[in-house]
PDB file of N, CA and C in Angstrom:
ATOM      1  N   MET A   1       0.822  -1.178   0.000  1.00  0.00           N
ATOM      2  CA  MET A   1       0.000   0.000   0.000  1.00  0.00           C
ATOM      3  C   MET A   1       0.880   1.262   0.000  1.00  0.00           C
ATOM      4  N   ILE A   2       1.645   1.436   1.077  1.00  0.00           N
ATOM      5  CA  ILE A   2       2.611   2.535   1.135  1.00  0.00           C
ATOM      6  C   ILE A   2       3.967   1.894   1.380  1.00  0.00           C
ATOM      7  N   ALA A   3       4.895   2.147   0.469  1.00  0.00           N
ATOM      8  CA  ALA A   3       6.206   1.500   0.548  1.00  0.00           C
ATOM      9  C   ALA A   3       7.030   2.022   1.717  1.00  0.00           C
ATOM     10  N   ALA A   4       7.879   1.149   2.228  1.00  0.00           N
ATOM     11  CA  ALA A   4       8.795   1.495   3.317  1.00  0.00           C
ATOM     12  C   ALA A   4      10.001   2.232   2.758  1.00  0.00           C
ATOM     13  N   LYS A   5      10.612   3.064   3.602  1.00  0.00           N
ATOM     14  CA  LYS A   5      11.844   3.748   3.250  1.00  0.00           C
ATOM     15  C   LYS A   5      12.662   3.884   4.528  1.00  0.00           C
ATOM     16  N   ALA A   6      13.906   3.401   4.481  1.00  0.00           N
ATOM     17  CA  ALA A   6      14.773   3.442   5.662  1.00  0.00           C
ATOM     18  C   ALA A   6      14.905   4.867   6.187  1.00  0.00           C
ATOM     19  N   LYS A   7      14.910   5.013   7.498  1.00  0.00           N
ATOM     20  CA  LYS A   7      15.081   6.273   8.225  1.00  0.00           C
ATOM     21  C   LYS A   7      13.889   7.232   8.105  1.00  0.00           C
ATOM     22  N   TYR A   8      12.790   6.758   7.551  1.00  0.00           N
ATOM     23  CA  TYR A   8      11.574   7.552   7.430  1.00  0.00           C
ATOM     24  C   TYR A   8      10.443   6.836   8.158  1.00  0.00           C
ATOM     25  N   THR A   9       9.486   7.603   8.647  1.00  0.00           N
ATOM     26  CA  THR A   9       8.303   7.053   9.298  1.00  0.00           C
ATOM     27  C   THR A   9       7.064   7.528   8.551  1.00  0.00           C
ATOM     28  N   VAL A  10       6.142   6.605   8.314  1.00  0.00           N
ATOM     29  CA  VAL A  10       4.855   6.920   7.699  1.00  0.00           C
ATOM     30  C   VAL A  10       3.883   7.289   8.814  1.00  0.00           C
ATOM     31  N   PHE A  11       3.164   8.384   8.626  1.00  0.00           N
ATOM     32  CA  PHE A  11       2.131   8.826   9.562  1.00  0.00           C
ATOM     33  C   PHE A  11       0.791   8.763   8.828  1.00  0.00           C
ATOM     34  N   VAL A  12      -0.096   7.895   9.288  1.00  0.00           N
ATOM     35  CA  VAL A  12      -1.398   7.707   8.645  1.00  0.00           C
ATOM     36  C   VAL A  12      -2.403   8.629   9.317  1.00  0.00           C
ATOM     37  N   GLN A  13      -3.053   9.480   8.529  1.00  0.00           N
ATOM     38  CA  GLN A  13      -4.024  10.434   9.049  1.00  0.00           C
ATOM     39  C   GLN A  13      -5.457   9.922   8.951  1.00  0.00           C
ATOM     40  N   LYS A  14      -5.761   9.229   7.858  1.00  0.00           N
ATOM     41  CA  LYS A  14      -7.132   8.752   7.664  1.00  0.00           C
ATOM     42  C   LYS A  14      -7.119   7.581   6.687  1.00  0.00           C
ATOM     43  N   ILE A  15      -7.973   6.597   6.960  1.00  0.00           N
ATOM     44  CA  ILE A  15      -8.232   5.499   6.032  1.00  0.00           C
ATOM     45  C   ILE A  15      -9.735   5.411   5.859  1.00  0.00           C
ATOM     46  N   ILE A  16     -10.168   5.406   4.608  1.00  0.00           N
ATOM     47  CA  ILE A  16     -11.593   5.222   4.292  1.00  0.00           C
ATOM     48  C   ILE A  16     -11.712   3.925   3.492  1.00  0.00           C
ATOM     49  N   ILE A  17     -12.442   2.980   4.027  1.00  0.00           N
ATOM     50  CA  ILE A  17     -12.692   1.700   3.365  1.00  0.00           C
ATOM     51  C   ILE A  17     -14.140   1.706   2.892  1.00  0.00           C
ATOM     52  N   THR A  18     -14.356   1.499   1.613  1.00  0.00           N
ATOM     53  CA  THR A  18     -15.703   1.378   1.076  1.00  0.00           C
ATOM     54  C   THR A  18     -15.926  -0.085   0.732  1.00  0.00           C
ATOM     55  N   VAL A  19     -16.718  -0.759   1.558  1.00  0.00           N
ATOM     56  CA  VAL A  19     -16.999  -2.186   1.363  1.00  0.00           C
ATOM     57  C   VAL A  19     -18.051  -2.330   0.279  1.00  0.00           C
ATOM     58  N   THR A  20     -17.696  -3.072  -0.784  1.00  0.00           N
ATOM     59  CA  THR A  20     -18.616  -3.293  -1.907  1.00  0.00           C
ATOM     60  C   THR A  20     -19.204  -4.695  -1.891  1.00  0.00           C
ATOM     61  N   THR A  21     -18.500  -5.647  -1.279  1.00  0.00           N
ATOM     62  CA  THR A  21     -18.990  -7.018  -1.141  1.00  0.00           C
ATOM     63  C   THR A  21     -18.732  -7.474   0.288  1.00  0.00           C
ATOM     64  N   ASP A  22     -19.794  -7.628   1.050  1.00  0.00           N
ATOM     65  CA  ASP A  22     -19.659  -8.050   2.446  1.00  0.00           C
ATOM     66  C   ASP A  22     -19.364  -9.550   2.497  1.00  0.00           C
ATOM     67  N   ALA A  23     -18.588  -9.959   3.485  1.00  0.00           N
ATOM     68  CA  ALA A  23     -18.250 -11.368   3.668  1.00  0.00           C
ATOM     69  C   ALA A  23     -17.802 -11.573   5.111  1.00  0.00           C
ATOM     70  N   ALA A  24     -17.638 -12.817   5.485  1.00  0.00           N
ATOM     71  CA  ALA A  24     -17.289 -13.153   6.873  1.00  0.00           C
ATOM     72  C   ALA A  24     -15.783 -13.113   7.107  1.00  0.00           C
ATOM     73  N   GLN A  25     -15.099 -12.138   6.541  1.00  0.00           N
ATOM     74  CA  GLN A  25     -13.666 -11.983   6.738  1.00  0.00           C
ATOM     75  C   GLN A  25     -13.381 -10.714   7.528  1.00  0.00           C
ATOM     76  N   THR A  26     -12.299 -10.747   8.278  1.00  0.00           N
ATOM     77  CA  THR A  26     -11.852  -9.553   8.994  1.00  0.00           C
ATOM     78  C   THR A  26     -10.857  -8.791   8.129  1.00  0.00           C
ATOM     79  N   PHE A  27     -10.645  -7.545   8.465  1.00  0.00           N
ATOM     80  CA  PHE A  27      -9.752  -6.656   7.735  1.00  0.00           C
ATOM     81  C   PHE A  27      -8.867  -5.940   8.755  1.00  0.00           C
ATOM     82  N   THR A  28      -7.576  -5.853   8.455  1.00  0.00           N
ATOM     83  CA  THR A  28      -6.636  -5.181   9.348  1.00  0.00           C
ATOM     84  C   THR A  28      -5.731  -4.269   8.545  1.00  0.00           C
ATOM     85  N   ALA A  29      -5.513  -3.045   9.042  1.00  0.00           N
ATOM     86  CA  ALA A  29      -4.502  -2.134   8.495  1.00  0.00           C
ATOM     87  C   ALA A  29      -3.339  -2.158   9.475  1.00  0.00           C
ATOM     88  N   GLN A  30      -2.145  -2.475   8.981  1.00  0.00           N
ATOM     89  CA  GLN A  30      -0.991  -2.640   9.856  1.00  0.00           C
ATOM     90  C   GLN A  30       0.289  -2.275   9.112  1.00  0.00           C
ATOM     91  N   ASP A  31       1.375  -2.111   9.872  1.00  0.00           N
ATOM     92  CA  ASP A  31       2.642  -1.849   9.195  1.00  0.00           C
ATOM     93  C   ASP A  31       3.279  -3.172   8.771  1.00  0.00           C
ATOM     94  N   THR A  32       4.392  -3.085   8.052  1.00  0.00           N
ATOM     95  CA  THR A  32       5.040  -4.261   7.474  1.00  0.00           C
ATOM     96  C   THR A  32       6.156  -4.814   8.363  1.00  0.00           C
ATOM     97  N   ASN A  33       6.185  -4.428   9.622  1.00  0.00           N
ATOM     98  CA  ASN A  33       7.170  -4.932  10.571  1.00  0.00           C
ATOM     99  C   ASN A  33       6.955  -6.435  10.798  1.00  0.00           C
ATOM    100  N   GLY A  34       8.001  -7.149  11.231  1.00  0.00           N
ATOM    101  CA  GLY A  34       7.886  -8.576  11.536  1.00  0.00           C
ATOM    102  C   GLY A  34       6.804  -8.858  12.570  1.00  0.00           C
ATOM    103  N   THR A  35       6.705  -8.004  13.579  1.00  0.00           N
ATOM    104  CA  THR A  35       5.601  -8.020  14.528  1.00  0.00           C
ATOM    105  C   THR A  35       4.819  -6.742  14.239  1.00  0.00           C
ATOM    106  N   PRO A  36       3.811  -6.824  13.368  1.00  0.00           N
ATOM    107  CA  PRO A  36       3.175  -5.606  12.869  1.00  0.00           C
ATOM    108  C   PRO A  36       2.444  -4.792  13.932  1.00  0.00           C
ATOM    109  N   LYS A  37       2.497  -3.481  13.756  1.00  0.00           N
ATOM    110  CA  LYS A  37       1.704  -2.562  14.568  1.00  0.00           C
ATOM    111  C   LYS A  37       0.359  -2.407  13.864  1.00  0.00           C
ATOM    112  N   VAL A  38      -0.706  -2.853  14.511  1.00  0.00           N
ATOM    113  CA  VAL A  38      -2.054  -2.761  13.951  1.00  0.00           C
ATOM    114  C   VAL A  38      -2.612  -1.385  14.275  1.00  0.00           C
ATOM    115  N   ILE A  39      -3.115  -0.680  13.245  1.00  0.00           N
ATOM    116  CA  ILE A  39      -3.679   0.648  13.489  1.00  0.00           C
ATOM    117  C   ILE A  39      -5.189   0.695  13.268  1.00  0.00           C
ATOM    118  N   ALA A  40      -5.751  -0.294  12.554  1.00  0.00           N
ATOM    119  CA  ALA A  40      -7.203  -0.310  12.334  1.00  0.00           C
ATOM    120  C   ALA A  40      -7.648  -1.743  12.070  1.00  0.00           C
ATOM    121  N   GLU A  41      -8.831  -2.073  12.586  1.00  0.00           N
ATOM    122  CA  GLU A  41      -9.393  -3.405  12.379  1.00  0.00           C
ATOM    123  C   GLU A  41     -10.888  -3.298  12.121  1.00  0.00           C
ATOM    124  N   ALA A  42     -11.390  -4.194  11.287  1.00  0.00           N
ATOM    125  CA  ALA A  42     -12.825  -4.304  11.067  1.00  0.00           C
ATOM    126  C   ALA A  42     -13.218  -5.749  11.350  1.00  0.00           C
ATOM    127  N   ALA A  43     -14.294  -5.924  12.077  1.00  0.00           N
ATOM    128  CA  ALA A  43     -14.785  -7.256  12.417  1.00  0.00           C
ATOM    129  C   ALA A  43     -15.322  -7.955  11.173  1.00  0.00           C
ATOM    130  N   ALA A  44     -15.521  -9.261  11.263  1.00  0.00           N
ATOM    131  CA  ALA A  44     -16.121 -10.017  10.167  1.00  0.00           C
ATOM    132  C   ALA A  44     -17.509  -9.466   9.860  1.00  0.00           C
ATOM    133  N   ASN A  45     -17.897  -9.541   8.609  1.00  0.00           N
ATOM    134  CA  ASN A  45     -19.182  -9.027   8.131  1.00  0.00           C
ATOM    135  C   ASN A  45     -19.374  -7.552   8.483  1.00  0.00           C
ATOM    136  N   PRO A  46     -18.487  -6.669   7.996  1.00  0.00           N
ATOM    137  CA  PRO A  46     -18.627  -5.256   8.344  1.00  0.00           C
ATOM    138  C   PRO A  46     -19.833  -4.579   7.701  1.00  0.00           C
ATOM    139  N   GLY A  47     -20.430  -5.206   6.695  1.00  0.00           N
ATOM    140  CA  GLY A  47     -21.569  -4.615   5.995  1.00  0.00           C
ATOM    141  C   GLY A  47     -21.096  -3.709   4.873  1.00  0.00           C
ATOM    142  N   GLU A  48     -21.937  -3.550   3.869  1.00  0.00           N
ATOM    143  CA  GLU A  48     -21.578  -2.659   2.762  1.00  0.00           C
ATOM    144  C   GLU A  48     -21.665  -1.217   3.222  1.00  0.00           C
ATOM    145  N   GLY A  49     -20.794  -0.387   2.677  1.00  0.00           N
ATOM    146  CA  GLY A  49     -20.751   1.020   3.053  1.00  0.00           C
ATOM    147  C   GLY A  49     -19.341   1.417   3.451  1.00  0.00           C
ATOM    148  N   GLN A  50     -19.213   2.536   4.171  1.00  0.00           N
ATOM    149  CA  GLN A  50     -17.900   3.063   4.511  1.00  0.00           C
ATOM    150  C   GLN A  50     -17.501   2.806   5.965  1.00  0.00           C
ATOM    151  N   LEU A  51     -16.236   2.504   6.126  1.00  0.00           N
ATOM    152  CA  LEU A  51     -15.595   2.443   7.440  1.00  0.00           C
ATOM    153  C   LEU A  51     -14.540   3.545   7.423  1.00  0.00           C
ATOM    154  N   ILE A  52     -14.564   4.424   8.415  1.00  0.00           N
ATOM    155  CA  ILE A  52     -13.635   5.546   8.444  1.00  0.00           C
ATOM    156  C   ILE A  52     -12.819   5.481   9.728  1.00  0.00           C
ATOM    157  N   PHE A  53     -11.503   5.528   9.559  1.00  0.00           N
ATOM    158  CA  PHE A  53     -10.561   5.541  10.684  1.00  0.00           C
ATOM    159  C   PHE A  53      -9.772   6.841  10.583  1.00  0.00           C
ATOM    160  N   GLU A  54      -9.760   7.644  11.645  1.00  0.00           N
ATOM    161  CA  GLU A  54      -9.080   8.949  11.616  1.00  0.00           C
ATOM    162  C   GLU A  54      -8.144   9.104  12.803  1.00  0.00           C
ATOM    163  N   TRP A  55      -6.998   9.759  12.552  1.00  0.00           N
ATOM    164  CA  TRP A  55      -6.009  10.018  13.597  1.00  0.00           C
ATOM    165  C   TRP A  55      -5.585  11.480  13.655  1.00  0.00           C
ATOM    166  N   GLY A  56      -6.303  12.369  13.005  1.00  0.00           N
ATOM    167  CA  GLY A  56      -5.999  13.796  13.070  1.00  0.00           C
ATOM    168  C   GLY A  56      -4.869  14.209  12.143  1.00  0.00           C
ATOM    169  N   ASP A  57      -4.511  15.498  12.231  1.00  0.00           N
ATOM    170  CA  ASP A  57      -3.504  16.065  11.328  1.00  0.00           C
ATOM    171  C   ASP A  57      -2.125  15.448  11.489  1.00  0.00           C
ATOM    172  N   GLU A  58      -1.727  15.149  12.726  1.00  0.00           N
ATOM    173  CA  GLU A  58      -0.396  14.576  12.948  1.00  0.00           C
ATOM    174  C   GLU A  58      -0.329  13.135  12.462  1.00  0.00           C
ATOM    175  N   GLY A  59      -1.389  12.379  12.639  1.00  0.00           N
ATOM    176  CA  GLY A  59      -1.438  11.007  12.156  1.00  0.00           C
ATOM    177  C   GLY A  59      -0.892  10.002  13.150  1.00  0.00           C
ATOM    178  N   GLU A  60      -1.139   8.749  12.849  1.00  0.00           N
ATOM    179  CA  GLU A  60      -0.662   7.629  13.656  1.00  0.00           C
ATOM    180  C   GLU A  60       0.640   7.121  13.039  1.00  0.00           C
ATOM    181  N   PRO A  61       1.746   7.155  13.798  1.00  0.00           N
ATOM    182  CA  PRO A  61       3.018   6.716  13.213  1.00  0.00           C
ATOM    183  C   PRO A  61       3.104   5.194  13.115  1.00  0.00           C
ATOM    184  N   LEU A  62       3.659   4.733  11.999  1.00  0.00           N
ATOM    185  CA  LEU A  62       3.987   3.326  11.856  1.00  0.00           C
ATOM    186  C   LEU A  62       5.410   3.129  12.367  1.00  0.00           C
ATOM    187  N   THR A  63       5.877   1.902  12.411  1.00  0.00           N
ATOM    188  CA  THR A  63       7.242   1.617  12.812  1.00  0.00           C
ATOM    189  C   THR A  63       8.203   2.245  11.802  1.00  0.00           C
ATOM    190  N   GLU A  64       9.258   2.897  12.291  1.00  0.00           N
ATOM    191  CA  GLU A  64      10.220   3.558  11.394  1.00  0.00           C
ATOM    192  C   GLU A  64      10.768   2.570  10.371  1.00  0.00           C
ATOM    193  N   GLY A  65      10.817   3.000   9.127  1.00  0.00           N
ATOM    194  CA  GLY A  65      11.358   2.181   8.055  1.00  0.00           C
ATOM    195  C   GLY A  65      10.403   1.128   7.527  1.00  0.00           C
ATOM    196  N   LYS A  66       9.152   1.160   7.955  1.00  0.00           N
ATOM    197  CA  LYS A  66       8.162   0.166   7.521  1.00  0.00           C
ATOM    198  C   LYS A  66       7.027   0.845   6.773  1.00  0.00           C
ATOM    199  N   GLY A  67       6.347   0.068   5.931  1.00  0.00           N
ATOM    200  CA  GLY A  67       5.238   0.581   5.145  1.00  0.00           C
ATOM    201  C   GLY A  67       3.901   0.178   5.721  1.00  0.00           C
ATOM    202  N   LEU A  68       2.839   0.519   4.987  1.00  0.00           N
ATOM    203  CA  LEU A  68       1.466   0.203   5.383  1.00  0.00           C
ATOM    204  C   LEU A  68       0.962  -0.950   4.541  1.00  0.00           C
ATOM    205  N   ASP A  69       0.258  -1.883   5.153  1.00  0.00           N
ATOM    206  CA  ASP A  69      -0.277  -3.043   4.461  1.00  0.00           C
ATOM    207  C   ASP A  69      -1.703  -3.291   4.944  1.00  0.00           C
ATOM    208  N   PHE A  70      -2.544  -3.821   4.054  1.00  0.00           N
ATOM    209  CA  PHE A  70      -3.892  -4.252   4.405  1.00  0.00           C
ATOM    210  C   PHE A  70      -3.927  -5.771   4.356  1.00  0.00           C
ATOM    211  N   VAL A  71      -4.509  -6.392   5.372  1.00  0.00           N
ATOM    212  CA  VAL A  71      -4.546  -7.851   5.472  1.00  0.00           C
ATOM    213  C   VAL A  71      -5.984  -8.302   5.703  1.00  0.00           C
ATOM    214  N   GLN A  72      -6.426  -9.278   4.925  1.00  0.00           N
ATOM    215  CA  GLN A  72      -7.729  -9.908   5.122  1.00  0.00           C
ATOM    216  C   GLN A  72      -7.515 -11.299   5.688  1.00  0.00           C
ATOM    217  N   SER A  73      -8.472 -11.784   6.479  1.00  0.00           N
ATOM    218  CA  SER A  73      -8.349 -13.126   7.056  1.00  0.00           C
ATOM    219  C   SER A  73      -8.513 -14.216   5.993  1.00  0.00           C
ATOM    220  N   ALA A  74      -9.215 -13.928   4.903  1.00  0.00           N
ATOM    221  CA  ALA A  74      -9.392 -14.854   3.781  1.00  0.00           C
ATOM    222  C   ALA A  74      -9.983 -14.055   2.619  1.00  0.00           C
ATOM    223  N   ALA A  75     -10.023 -14.661   1.458  1.00  0.00           N
ATOM    224  CA  ALA A  75     -10.606 -13.999   0.293  1.00  0.00           C
ATOM    225  C   ALA A  75     -12.119 -13.869   0.463  1.00  0.00           C
ATOM    226  N   GLY A  76     -12.710 -12.901  -0.214  1.00  0.00           N
ATOM    227  CA  GLY A  76     -14.157 -12.765  -0.210  1.00  0.00           C
ATOM    228  C   GLY A  76     -14.647 -11.357   0.025  1.00  0.00           C
ATOM    229  N   LEU A  77     -13.950 -10.597   0.865  1.00  0.00           N
ATOM    230  CA  LEU A  77     -14.362  -9.231   1.172  1.00  0.00           C
ATOM    231  C   LEU A  77     -13.924  -8.328   0.019  1.00  0.00           C
ATOM    232  N   GLY A  78     -14.868  -7.606  -0.564  1.00  0.00           N
ATOM    233  CA  GLY A  78     -14.554  -6.679  -1.654  1.00  0.00           C
ATOM    234  C   GLY A  78     -14.594  -5.250  -1.139  1.00  0.00           C
ATOM    235  N   TYR A  79     -13.560  -4.458  -1.453  1.00  0.00           N
ATOM    236  CA  TYR A  79     -13.521  -3.078  -0.955  1.00  0.00           C
ATOM    237  C   TYR A  79     -12.601  -2.215  -1.807  1.00  0.00           C
ATOM    238  N   ASN A  80     -12.828  -0.926  -1.709  1.00  0.00           N
ATOM    239  CA  ASN A  80     -11.934   0.109  -2.239  1.00  0.00           C
ATOM    240  C   ASN A  80     -11.431   0.880  -1.040  1.00  0.00           C
ATOM    241  N   TYR A  81     -10.296   1.529  -1.178  1.00  0.00           N
ATOM    242  CA  TYR A  81      -9.754   2.266  -0.037  1.00  0.00           C
ATOM    243  C   TYR A  81      -9.099   3.572  -0.476  1.00  0.00           C
ATOM    244  N   ASP A  82      -9.115   4.519   0.436  1.00  0.00           N
ATOM    245  CA  ASP A  82      -8.397   5.783   0.302  1.00  0.00           C
ATOM    246  C   ASP A  82      -7.553   5.936   1.556  1.00  0.00           C
ATOM    247  N   VAL A  83      -6.286   6.271   1.383  1.00  0.00           N
ATOM    248  CA  VAL A  83      -5.383   6.465   2.505  1.00  0.00           C
ATOM    249  C   VAL A  83      -4.823   7.878   2.427  1.00  0.00           C
ATOM    250  N   TYR A  84      -4.906   8.590   3.533  1.00  0.00           N
ATOM    251  CA  TYR A  84      -4.304   9.918   3.669  1.00  0.00           C
ATOM    252  C   TYR A  84      -3.145   9.765   4.644  1.00  0.00           C
ATOM    253  N   ALA A  85      -1.931  10.013   4.163  1.00  0.00           N
ATOM    254  CA  ALA A  85      -0.745   9.791   4.988  1.00  0.00           C
ATOM    255  C   ALA A  85       0.411  10.632   4.455  1.00  0.00           C
ATOM    256  N   TYR A  86       1.438  10.732   5.248  1.00  0.00           N
ATOM    257  CA  TYR A  86       2.675  11.384   4.803  1.00  0.00           C
ATOM    258  C   TYR A  86       3.850  10.652   5.418  1.00  0.00           C
ATOM    259  N   ARG A  87       5.022  10.873   4.858  1.00  0.00           N
ATOM    260  CA  ARG A  87       6.242  10.240   5.341  1.00  0.00           C
ATOM    261  C   ARG A  87       7.249  11.346   5.625  1.00  0.00           C
ATOM    262  N   ARG A  88       7.945  11.239   6.763  1.00  0.00           N
ATOM    263  CA  ARG A  88       8.974  12.227   7.076  1.00  0.00           C
ATOM    264  C   ARG A  88      10.187  11.533   7.695  1.00  0.00           C
ATOM    265  N   ALA A  89      11.332  12.159   7.529  1.00  0.00           N
ATOM    266  CA  ALA A  89      12.573  11.623   8.085  1.00  0.00           C
ATOM    267  C   ALA A  89      12.494  11.653   9.606  1.00  0.00           C
ATOM    268  N   THR A  90      12.854  10.540  10.233  1.00  0.00           N
ATOM    269  CA  THR A  90      12.834  10.465  11.694  1.00  0.00           C
ATOM    270  C   THR A  90      14.176   9.989  12.237  1.00  0.00           C
ATOM    271  N   SER A  91      15.184   9.897  11.384  1.00  0.00           N
ATOM    272  CA  SER A  91      16.554   9.587  11.787  1.00  0.00           C
ATOM    273  C   SER A  91      17.490  10.530  11.052  1.00  0.00           C
ATOM    274  N   THR A  92      18.728  10.580  11.475  1.00  0.00           N
ATOM    275  CA  THR A  92      19.714  11.435  10.827  1.00  0.00           C
ATOM    276  C   THR A  92      19.989  10.925   9.419  1.00  0.00           C
ATOM    277  N   LEU A  93      19.946  11.830   8.455  1.00  0.00           N
ATOM    278  CA  LEU A  93      20.156  11.475   7.049  1.00  0.00           C
ATOM    279  C   LEU A  93      21.458  12.059   6.536  1.00  0.00           C
ATOM    280  N   ILE A  94      22.024  11.379   5.556  1.00  0.00           N
ATOM    281  CA  ILE A  94      23.151  11.954   4.817  1.00  0.00           C
ATOM    282  C   ILE A  94      22.594  12.430   3.475  1.00  0.00           C
ATOM    283  N   PRO A  95      23.282  13.329   2.765  1.00  0.00           N
ATOM    284  CA  PRO A  95      22.722  13.907   1.544  1.00  0.00           C
ATOM    285  C   PRO A  95      22.190  12.887   0.520  1.00  0.00           C
ATOM    286  N   SER A  96      22.844  11.747   0.369  1.00  0.00           N
ATOM    287  CA  SER A  96      22.389  10.762  -0.611  1.00  0.00           C
ATOM    288  C   SER A  96      21.069  10.097  -0.224  1.00  0.00           C
ATOM    289  N   GLU A  97      20.623  10.261   1.021  1.00  0.00           N
ATOM    290  CA  GLU A  97      19.372   9.652   1.480  1.00  0.00           C
ATOM    291  C   GLU A  97      18.184  10.615   1.401  1.00  0.00           C
ATOM    292  N   LEU A  98      18.426  11.829   0.982  1.00  0.00           N
ATOM    293  CA  LEU A  98      17.335  12.804   0.903  1.00  0.00           C
ATOM    294  C   LEU A  98      16.458  12.584  -0.285  1.00  0.00           C
TER     295      LEU A  98
END
């Protein structure tokens, strides 16, 4: 979803999920760390319509150097998504890393 970049942190401000096909699967928004940081979850059978997760202007930080991923418990849930986020340097950079 959002690619990782070393020495940078992704801050997620808002995720809008529009469910088009309801199913008995769960949905999770998490970072790509080995032990992922979960930032949003939807229970099985969320129903058709919108699910909105908001964290304000500053956003919810993911693990430094990791990206954002969406995970379903199994196939079947149909959805579209919009992600509002930004990435900023959170470690010391050298010119070639800018």
